[in-house]
C-alpha atoms as a PDB file:
ATOM      1  CA  UNK A   1       0.000   0.000   0.000  1.00  0.00           C
ATOM      2  CA  UNK A   2       1.476   3.323  -1.088  1.00  0.00           C
ATOM      3  CA  UNK A   3       1.508   6.229   1.337  1.00  0.00           C
ATOM      4  CA  UNK A   4       0.146   9.637   0.455  1.00  0.00           C
ATOM      5  CA  UNK A   5       3.063  12.134   0.615  1.00  0.00           C
ATOM      6  CA  UNK A   6       0.753  15.113   1.172  1.00  0.00           C
ATOM      7  CA  UNK A   7      -0.972  13.508   4.161  1.00  0.00           C
ATOM      8  CA  UNK A   8       2.368  12.497   5.651  1.00  0.00           C
ATOM      9  CA  UNK A   9       3.820  16.002   5.382  1.00  0.00           C
ATOM     10  CA  UNK A  10       0.626  17.542   6.804  1.00  0.00           C
ATOM     11  CA  UNK A  11       0.867  15.277   9.834  1.00  0.00           C
ATOM     12  CA  UNK A  12       4.495  16.168  10.567  1.00  0.00           C
ATOM     13  CA  UNK A  13       4.732  19.845   9.607  1.00  0.00           C
ATOM     14  CA  UNK A  14       4.473  22.533  12.322  1.00  0.00           C
ATOM     15  CA  UNK A  15       1.056  23.867  13.322  1.00  0.00           C
ATOM     16  CA  UNK A  16       1.100  27.306  11.726  1.00  0.00           C
ATOM     17  CA  UNK A  17      -0.610  30.192  13.566  1.00  0.00           C
ATOM     18  CA  UNK A  18      -0.967  33.728  12.195  1.00  0.00           C
ATOM     19  CA  UNK A  19      -1.387  36.414  14.894  1.00  0.00           C
ATOM     20  CA  UNK A  20      -2.795  39.709  13.545  1.00  0.00           C
ATOM     21  CA  UNK A  21      -1.995  42.701  15.796  1.00  0.00           C
ATOM     22  CA  UNK A  22      -2.333  46.496  15.629  1.00  0.00           C
ATOM     23  CA  UNK A  23       0.364  47.403  18.225  1.00  0.00           C
ATOM     24  CA  UNK A  24      -2.288  48.500  20.740  1.00  0.00           C
ATOM     25  CA  UNK A  25      -2.034  47.211  24.349  1.00  0.00           C
ATOM     26  CA  UNK A  26      -4.469  44.404  23.438  1.00  0.00           C
ATOM     27  CA  UNK A  27      -1.896  43.029  20.978  1.00  0.00           C
ATOM     28  CA  UNK A  28       0.003  41.303  23.797  1.00  0.00           C
ATOM     29  CA  UNK A  29      -3.044  39.191  24.608  1.00  0.00           C
ATOM     30  CA  UNK A  30      -3.514  38.248  20.955  1.00  0.00           C
ATOM     31  CA  UNK A  31       0.104  37.155  20.560  1.00  0.00           C
ATOM     32  CA  UNK A  32       0.109  35.268  23.879  1.00  0.00           C
ATOM     33  CA  UNK A  33      -2.998  33.366  22.797  1.00  0.00           C
ATOM     34  CA  UNK A  34      -1.355  32.508  19.474  1.00  0.00           C
ATOM     35  CA  UNK A  35       1.737  31.192  21.285  1.00  0.00           C
ATOM     36  CA  UNK A  36      -0.390  29.068  23.616  1.00  0.00           C
ATOM     37  CA  UNK A  37      -2.267  27.532  20.694  1.00  0.00           C
ATOM     38  CA  UNK A  38       0.850  26.887  18.613  1.00  0.00           C
ATOM     39  CA  UNK A  39       2.707  25.451  21.592  1.00  0.00           C
ATOM     40  CA  UNK A  40      -0.091  22.958  22.274  1.00  0.00           C
ATOM     41  CA  UNK A  41       0.927  20.953  19.205  1.00  0.00           C
ATOM     42  CA  UNK A  42       3.609  18.406  20.080  1.00  0.00           C
ATOM     43  CA  UNK A  43       4.471  18.033  16.380  1.00  0.00           C
ATOM     44  CA  UNK A  44       5.800  21.598  16.526  1.00  0.00           C
ATOM     45  CA  UNK A  45       4.370  25.064  16.082  1.00  0.00           C
ATOM     46  CA  UNK A  46       5.145  28.227  14.191  1.00  0.00           C
ATOM     47  CA  UNK A  47       3.794  31.747  14.779  1.00  0.00           C
ATOM     48  CA  UNK A  48       3.666  34.531  12.197  1.00  0.00           C
ATOM     49  CA  UNK A  49       2.944  37.984  13.662  1.00  0.00           C
ATOM     50  CA  UNK A  50       1.480  40.517  11.231  1.00  0.00           C
ATOM     51  CA  UNK A  51       0.586  44.204  11.483  1.00  0.00           C
ATOM     52  CA  UNK A  52      -1.130  45.967   8.583  1.00  0.00           C
ATOM     53  CA  UNK A  53      -1.020  49.707   7.908  1.00  0.00           C
ATOM     54  CA  UNK A  54      -3.820  51.285   5.895  1.00  0.00           C
ATOM     55  CA  UNK A  55      -1.394  53.474   3.959  1.00  0.00           C
ATOM     56  CA  UNK A  56       2.220  53.263   2.882  1.00  0.00           C
ATOM     57  CA  UNK A  57       2.868  56.826   4.110  1.00  0.00           C
ATOM     58  CA  UNK A  58       0.904  56.893   7.365  1.00  0.00           C
ATOM     59  CA  UNK A  59       0.505  54.004   9.776  1.00  0.00           C
ATOM     60  CA  UNK A  60      -3.239  54.684  10.024  1.00  0.00           C
ATOM     61  CA  UNK A  61      -4.136  51.065  10.758  1.00  0.00           C
ATOM     62  CA  UNK A  62      -1.799  50.710  13.739  1.00  0.00           C
ATOM     63  CA  UNK A  63      -3.168  52.032  16.998  1.00  0.00           C
ATOM     64  CA  UNK A  64       0.138  51.847  18.813  1.00  0.00           C
ATOM     65  CA  UNK A  65       1.800  54.452  16.560  1.00  0.00           C
ATOM     66  CA  UNK A  66       1.298  58.087  15.661  1.00  0.00           C
ATOM     67  CA  UNK A  67      -0.030  58.822  12.176  1.00  0.00           C
ATOM     68  CA  UNK A  68       3.322  60.304  11.176  1.00  0.00           C
ATOM     69  CA  UNK A  69       5.287  57.185  12.096  1.00  0.00           C
ATOM     70  CA  UNK A  70       7.278  55.528   9.343  1.00  0.00           C
ATOM     71  CA  UNK A  71       7.266  51.925   8.199  1.00  0.00           C
ATOM     72  CA  UNK A  72      10.656  51.496   9.884  1.00  0.00           C
ATOM     73  CA  UNK A  73       9.152  52.676  13.194  1.00  0.00           C
ATOM     74  CA  UNK A  74       6.278  50.224  12.835  1.00  0.00           C
ATOM     75  CA  UNK A  75       8.614  47.337  11.982  1.00  0.00           C
ATOM     76  CA  UNK A  76      10.778  48.108  15.010  1.00  0.00           C
ATOM     77  CA  UNK A  77       7.749  48.277  17.333  1.00  0.00           C
ATOM     78  CA  UNK A  78       6.432  45.000  15.944  1.00  0.00           C
ATOM     79  CA  UNK A  79       9.803  43.324  16.521  1.00  0.00           C
ATOM     80  CA  UNK A  80       9.930  44.693  20.083  1.00  0.00           C
ATOM     81  CA  UNK A  81       6.420  43.407  20.780  1.00  0.00           C
ATOM     82  CA  UNK A  82       7.195  39.922  19.481  1.00  0.00           C
ATOM     83  CA  UNK A  83      10.460  39.676  21.404  1.00  0.00           C
ATOM     84  CA  UNK A  84       8.865  40.892  24.645  1.00  0.00           C
ATOM     85  CA  UNK A  85       5.900  38.506  24.482  1.00  0.00           C
ATOM     86  CA  UNK A  86       8.059  35.530  23.491  1.00  0.00           C
ATOM     87  CA  UNK A  87      10.368  36.194  26.450  1.00  0.00           C
ATOM     88  CA  UNK A  88       7.349  36.393  28.744  1.00  0.00           C
ATOM     89  CA  UNK A  89       5.913  33.143  27.404  1.00  0.00           C
ATOM     90  CA  UNK A  90       9.103  31.081  27.158  1.00  0.00           C
ATOM     91  CA  UNK A  91       9.621  30.112  30.793  1.00  0.00           C
ATOM     92  CA  UNK A  92      11.910  27.140  31.560  1.00  0.00           C
ATOM     93  CA  UNK A  93       9.117  25.175  33.254  1.00  0.00           C
ATOM     94  CA  UNK A  94       6.936  25.176  30.119  1.00  0.00           C
ATOM     95  CA  UNK A  95       7.475  22.586  27.344  1.00  0.00           C
ATOM     96  CA  UNK A  96       8.601  24.265  24.138  1.00  0.00           C
ATOM     97  CA  UNK A  97       6.998  23.169  20.879  1.00  0.00           C
ATOM     98  CA  UNK A  98       7.078  26.458  18.942  1.00  0.00           C
ATOM     99  CA  UNK A  99      10.000  26.328  16.551  1.00  0.00           C
ATOM    100  CA  UNK A 100      10.074  29.930  15.352  1.00  0.00           C
ATOM    101  CA  UNK A 101       8.294  33.289  15.450  1.00  0.00           C
ATOM    102  CA  UNK A 102       8.344  35.545  12.368  1.00  0.00           C
ATOM    103  CA  UNK A 103       7.144  39.157  12.093  1.00  0.00           C
ATOM    104  CA  UNK A 104       5.526  40.737   8.999  1.00  0.00           C
ATOM    105  CA  UNK A 105       4.584  44.358   8.269  1.00  0.00           C
ATOM    106  CA  UNK A 106       2.154  44.868   5.366  1.00  0.00           C
ATOM    107  CA  UNK A 107       0.328  47.853   3.869  1.00  0.00           C
ATOM    108  CA  UNK A 108      -3.139  47.871   2.374  1.00  0.00           C
ATOM    109  CA  UNK A 109      -6.610  46.828   3.433  1.00  0.00           C
ATOM    110  CA  UNK A 110      -6.142  45.052   6.810  1.00  0.00           C
ATOM    111  CA  UNK A 111      -8.692  42.255   6.314  1.00  0.00           C
ATOM    112  CA  UNK A 112      -7.538  41.470   2.794  1.00  0.00           C
ATOM    113  CA  UNK A 113      -3.842  41.521   3.709  1.00  0.00           C
ATOM    114  CA  UNK A 114      -4.369  39.260   6.743  1.00  0.00           C
ATOM    115  CA  UNK A 115      -6.257  36.709   4.642  1.00  0.00           C
ATOM    116  CA  UNK A 116      -3.617  36.935   1.900  1.00  0.00           C
ATOM    117  CA  UNK A 117      -0.740  36.324   4.313  1.00  0.00           C
ATOM    118  CA  UNK A 118      -2.599  33.418   5.916  1.00  0.00           C
ATOM    119  CA  UNK A 119      -2.813  31.757   2.511  1.00  0.00           C
ATOM    120  CA  UNK A 120       0.777  32.687   1.657  1.00  0.00           C
ATOM    121  CA  UNK A 121       2.230  31.029   4.785  1.00  0.00           C
ATOM    122  CA  UNK A 122      -0.373  28.210   4.743  1.00  0.00           C
ATOM    123  CA  UNK A 123      -1.702  29.133   8.197  1.00  0.00           C
ATOM    124  CA  UNK A 124      -3.744  26.561  10.092  1.00  0.00           C
ATOM    125  CA  UNK A 125      -5.291  29.212  12.345  1.00  0.00           C
ATOM    126  CA  UNK A 126      -5.631  33.005  12.501  1.00  0.00           C
ATOM    127  CA  UNK A 127      -5.701  34.690  15.923  1.00  0.00           C
ATOM    128  CA  UNK A 128      -6.777  38.325  16.100  1.00  0.00           C
ATOM    129  CA  UNK A 129      -8.509  40.850  18.339  1.00  0.00           C
ATOM    130  CA  UNK A 130     -11.656  42.886  17.968  1.00  0.00           C
ATOM    131  CA  UNK A 131     -12.581  46.365  19.115  1.00  0.00           C
ATOM    132  CA  UNK A 132     -16.130  45.206  19.831  1.00  0.00           C
ATOM    133  CA  UNK A 133     -17.821  47.792  17.622  1.00  0.00           C
ATOM    134  CA  UNK A 134     -21.569  47.331  17.286  1.00  0.00           C
ATOM    135  CA  UNK A 135     -24.489  49.025  15.558  1.00  0.00           C
ATOM    136  CA  UNK A 136     -23.796  52.172  13.548  1.00  0.00           C
ATOM    137  CA  UNK A 137     -20.040  52.172  14.207  1.00  0.00           C
ATOM    138  CA  UNK A 138     -19.703  48.679  12.774  1.00  0.00           C
ATOM    139  CA  UNK A 139     -21.747  49.593   9.706  1.00  0.00           C
ATOM    140  CA  UNK A 140     -19.752  52.780   9.039  1.00  0.00           C
ATOM    141  CA  UNK A 141     -16.255  51.581   9.911  1.00  0.00           C
ATOM    142  CA  UNK A 142     -16.617  47.894   9.196  1.00  0.00           C
ATOM    143  CA  UNK A 143     -15.188  45.096  11.288  1.00  0.00           C
ATOM    144  CA  UNK A 144     -11.807  43.725  10.227  1.00  0.00           C
ATOM    145  CA  UNK A 145     -12.334  40.643  12.373  1.00  0.00           C
ATOM    146  CA  UNK A 146     -15.755  40.001  10.852  1.00  0.00           C
ATOM    147  CA  UNK A 147     -14.389  40.234   7.306  1.00  0.00           C
ATOM    148  CA  UNK A 148     -11.468  37.935   8.116  1.00  0.00           C
ATOM    149  CA  UNK A 149     -13.818  35.342   9.643  1.00  0.00           C
ATOM    150  CA  UNK A 150     -15.966  35.496   6.508  1.00  0.00           C
ATOM    151  CA  UNK A 151     -13.182  35.289   3.905  1.00  0.00           C
ATOM    152  CA  UNK A 152     -10.297  33.360   5.505  1.00  0.00           C
ATOM    153  CA  UNK A 153      -9.451  29.877   4.283  1.00  0.00           C
ATOM    154  CA  UNK A 154      -8.775  28.559   7.800  1.00  0.00           C
ATOM    155  CA  UNK A 155     -10.345  28.811  11.281  1.00  0.00           C
ATOM    156  CA  UNK A 156     -10.208  32.200  13.007  1.00  0.00           C
ATOM    157  CA  UNK A 157      -9.914  32.731  16.784  1.00  0.00           C
ATOM    158  CA  UNK A 158     -11.117  36.197  17.854  1.00  0.00           C
ATOM    159  CA  UNK A 159      -9.624  37.287  21.188  1.00  0.00           C
ATOM    160  CA  UNK A 160     -11.581  39.683  23.365  1.00  0.00           C
ATOM    161  CA  UNK A 161     -11.887  40.541  27.050  1.00  0.00           C
ATOM    162  CA  UNK A 162     -13.968  38.190  29.158  1.00  0.00           C
ATOM    163  CA  UNK A 163     -17.287  39.848  30.006  1.00  0.00           C
ATOM    164  CA  UNK A 164     -20.328  37.621  30.533  1.00  0.00           C
ATOM    165  CA  UNK A 165     -23.875  38.960  30.808  1.00  0.00           C
ATOM    166  CA  UNK A 166     -24.723  38.668  34.506  1.00  0.00           C
ATOM    167  CA  UNK A 167     -28.414  38.252  33.663  1.00  0.00           C
ATOM    168  CA  UNK A 168     -27.615  34.799  32.233  1.00  0.00           C
ATOM    169  CA  UNK A 169     -26.052  33.591  35.471  1.00  0.00           C
ATOM    170  CA  UNK A 170     -29.149  31.751  36.634  1.00  0.00           C
ATOM    171  CA  UNK A 171     -28.504  29.056  39.242  1.00  0.00           C
ATOM    172  CA  UNK A 172     -28.469  25.611  37.694  1.00  0.00           C
ATOM    173  CA  UNK A 173     -31.041  23.054  38.811  1.00  0.00           C
ATOM    174  CA  UNK A 174     -29.383  19.834  39.832  1.00  0.00           C
ATOM    175  CA  UNK A 175     -31.129  16.857  38.188  1.00  0.00           C
ATOM    176  CA  UNK A 176     -33.280  15.092  38.811  1.00  0.00           C
ATOM    177  CA  UNK A 177     -36.156  17.161  40.146  1.00  0.00           C
ATOM    178  CA  UNK A 178     -38.680  14.730  41.681  1.00  0.00           C
ATOM    179  CA  UNK A 179     -41.594  17.057  40.938  1.00  0.00           C
ATOM    180  CA  UNK A 180     -40.596  17.339  37.263  1.00  0.00           C
ATOM    181  CA  UNK A 181     -40.252  13.547  36.978  1.00  0.00           C
ATOM    182  CA  UNK A 182     -43.638  13.086  38.573  1.00  0.00           C
ATOM    183  CA  UNK A 183     -45.192  15.609  36.158  1.00  0.00           C
ATOM    184  CA  UNK A 184     -43.740  13.781  33.143  1.00  0.00           C
ATOM    185  CA  UNK A 185     -45.022  10.450  34.383  1.00  0.00           C
ATOM    186  CA  UNK A 186     -48.452  11.902  35.154  1.00  0.00           C
ATOM    187  CA  UNK A 187     -48.842  13.519  31.700  1.00  0.00           C
ATOM    188  CA  UNK A 188     -47.048  10.844  29.685  1.00  0.00           C
ATOM    189  CA  UNK A 189     -44.390  13.344  28.635  1.00  0.00           C
ATOM    190  CA  UNK A 190     -46.846  15.993  27.425  1.00  0.00           C
ATOM    191  CA  UNK A 191     -45.619  18.319  30.170  1.00  0.00           C
ATOM    192  CA  UNK A 192     -41.916  18.275  31.044  1.00  0.00           C
ATOM    193  CA  UNK A 193     -41.594  20.637  33.991  1.00  0.00           C
ATOM    194  CA  UNK A 194     -43.217  21.106  37.353  1.00  0.00           C
ATOM    195  CA  UNK A 195     -44.846  24.400  38.294  1.00  0.00           C
ATOM    196  CA  UNK A 196     -41.661  25.620  40.014  1.00  0.00           C
ATOM    197  CA  UNK A 197     -39.507  25.200  36.900  1.00  0.00           C
ATOM    198  CA  UNK A 198     -41.916  26.333  34.178  1.00  0.00           C
ATOM    199  CA  UNK A 199     -40.346  29.167  32.152  1.00  0.00           C
ATOM    200  CA  UNK A 200     -36.830  28.607  33.465  1.00  0.00           C
ATOM    201  CA  UNK A 201     -34.273  29.562  30.782  1.00  0.00           C
ATOM    202  CA  UNK A 202     -32.370  26.327  31.292  1.00  0.00           C
ATOM    203  CA  UNK A 203     -34.754  24.126  33.235  1.00  0.00           C
ATOM    204  CA  UNK A 204     -32.131  21.458  33.830  1.00  0.00           C
ATOM    205  CA  UNK A 205     -28.415  21.278  33.081  1.00  0.00           C
ATOM    206  CA  UNK A 206     -27.143  17.724  32.693  1.00  0.00           C
ATOM    207  CA  UNK A 207     -23.356  17.523  32.911  1.00  0.00           C
ATOM    208  CA  UNK A 208     -21.299  14.410  32.254  1.00  0.00           C
ATOM    209  CA  UNK A 209     -18.767  12.982  34.662  1.00  0.00           C
ATOM    210  CA  UNK A 210     -15.425  14.764  34.734  1.00  0.00           C
ATOM    211  CA  UNK A 211     -12.658  13.034  32.820  1.00  0.00           C
ATOM    212  CA  UNK A 212      -9.046  13.910  33.559  1.00  0.00           C
ATOM    213  CA  UNK A 213      -6.132  12.744  31.476  1.00  0.00           C
ATOM    214  CA  UNK A 214      -2.531  13.443  32.305  1.00  0.00           C
ATOM    215  CA  UNK A 215      -0.360  14.193  29.293  1.00  0.00           C
ATOM    216  CA  UNK A 216       3.370  13.819  29.717  1.00  0.00           C
ATOM    217  CA  UNK A 217       5.552  15.946  27.484  1.00  0.00           C
ATOM    218  CA  UNK A 218       9.267  15.914  26.932  1.00  0.00           C
ATOM    219  CA  UNK A 219      11.043  18.979  28.259  1.00  0.00           C
ATOM    220  CA  UNK A 220      13.501  20.782  26.017  1.00  0.00           C
ATOM    221  CA  UNK A 221      14.976  24.306  25.936  1.00  0.00           C
ATOM    222  CA  UNK A 222      13.124  27.110  24.210  1.00  0.00           C
ATOM    223  CA  UNK A 223      14.368  27.930  20.735  1.00  0.00           C
ATOM    224  CA  UNK A 224      12.455  30.994  19.606  1.00  0.00           C
ATOM    225  CA  UNK A 225      13.835  33.260  16.921  1.00  0.00           C
ATOM    226  CA  UNK A 226      12.242  36.571  15.981  1.00  0.00           C
END
């Protein structure tokens, strides 16, 4: 039986993650998330860090720079960001599976350039942030993250701050509820809930037993290059 060369190479090549940043303070979280995801692959990982400027003369698309900043300034800031985050992430106690980190500075339409670079480097995943624009602002300004999700040829992970709606934090009802079971038996399944639980958003939450698996990984020194 002959082996398929393409499937063999796909199984052994590094897991390729593209991190799209804008040099704002939130960029550190995006790059850290990309490193975590790439490092989870024991076959090896690779991270490409990209920043896109809207214009070749003014870094309008990069929040961490003044509009008069040059491309050289942007490239230097991008390199500093990558080096700083890699040094923060690469602690001796953490297994190292990321083989290299590469920075890219592009000019043009941010969504289009991010999708283009993802295809160019054969990315397996795009990690990027969002400014959380909604309503009129999103219609007028557009959402880069939304366009990338819609047009990218690989999965996209959108990083944002954790902020759950407190109104959804309704106490769970531990199954089974004897009154609900009695109501189902009495009505032959026509009515599922007792009077106390009628209208509950999530009348019952059934969770499976917890399964824990210990994964042992070989320890080796970090070998990042930026």
